[in-house]
Amino acid sequence: KGIGSEFANQCAYDSIQVHGGSGFMKDYTCERLYRDARITSIYEGTTQLQVVAAIRYVTNGSFLKQIKTYEALSVAPSLSGLQSRLKEMAETYEKAVDTIKEIKNKELTDFHARRLVEMAGYIIMGHLILQDATKNSELFNSSAHVFVRFADSEVKKHAQFIESFTEDDFDFYRK
């Protein structure tokens, strides 16, 4: 729910951007979509509450186990490069999780929880769209390429932040 609602918000925001100022007018569907998307990250628990609930699946290895299950599935030969890219992303994710777990600092885990949950979500969603593209290339092939490329950049961004963050950096956030 958390990641899906955030994607809906981003897509709706992008739609408004494409339409410019007119995008906020009730004459355009994107105005309603923007309102509808915005509420999804609020009702039934905010995105942050979803992250709080999901972080245990990061730290106990459940998300990684699910990712490994998806990695074992076969995909269309034309998608094998994307599958390899997702496997590399999973290695990056696993390293980021290990970094946090080794420090054994709950405050640090909570601070990076959203990044870790998003990383897992991007990888899992990437595998799901690969399965869709394997079943129906015409409908999902382009989306798979676009999404995996986007997900790769997001996973790398989050991993780099986690890897470079130190406990001393908390002082900058506390002031």
Foldseek 3Di string as FASTA:
>chain_A
DLVVLVVLLVVLVVVCVVVDPCLCPPVDPSVVSNVVSVCVCPPPHHSLRVLVVCLVCLQVVVLLVVLVVLLPDDFPPVCVVLSVLLVVLSVLLVVLSVLVVVVPDVVLSSVLSVLSVLSSVLSVVLSVLRVVCRVPVVPRVVVSVVSSVVSSVSSVVSSVCSVPDDPVCVVVVVD
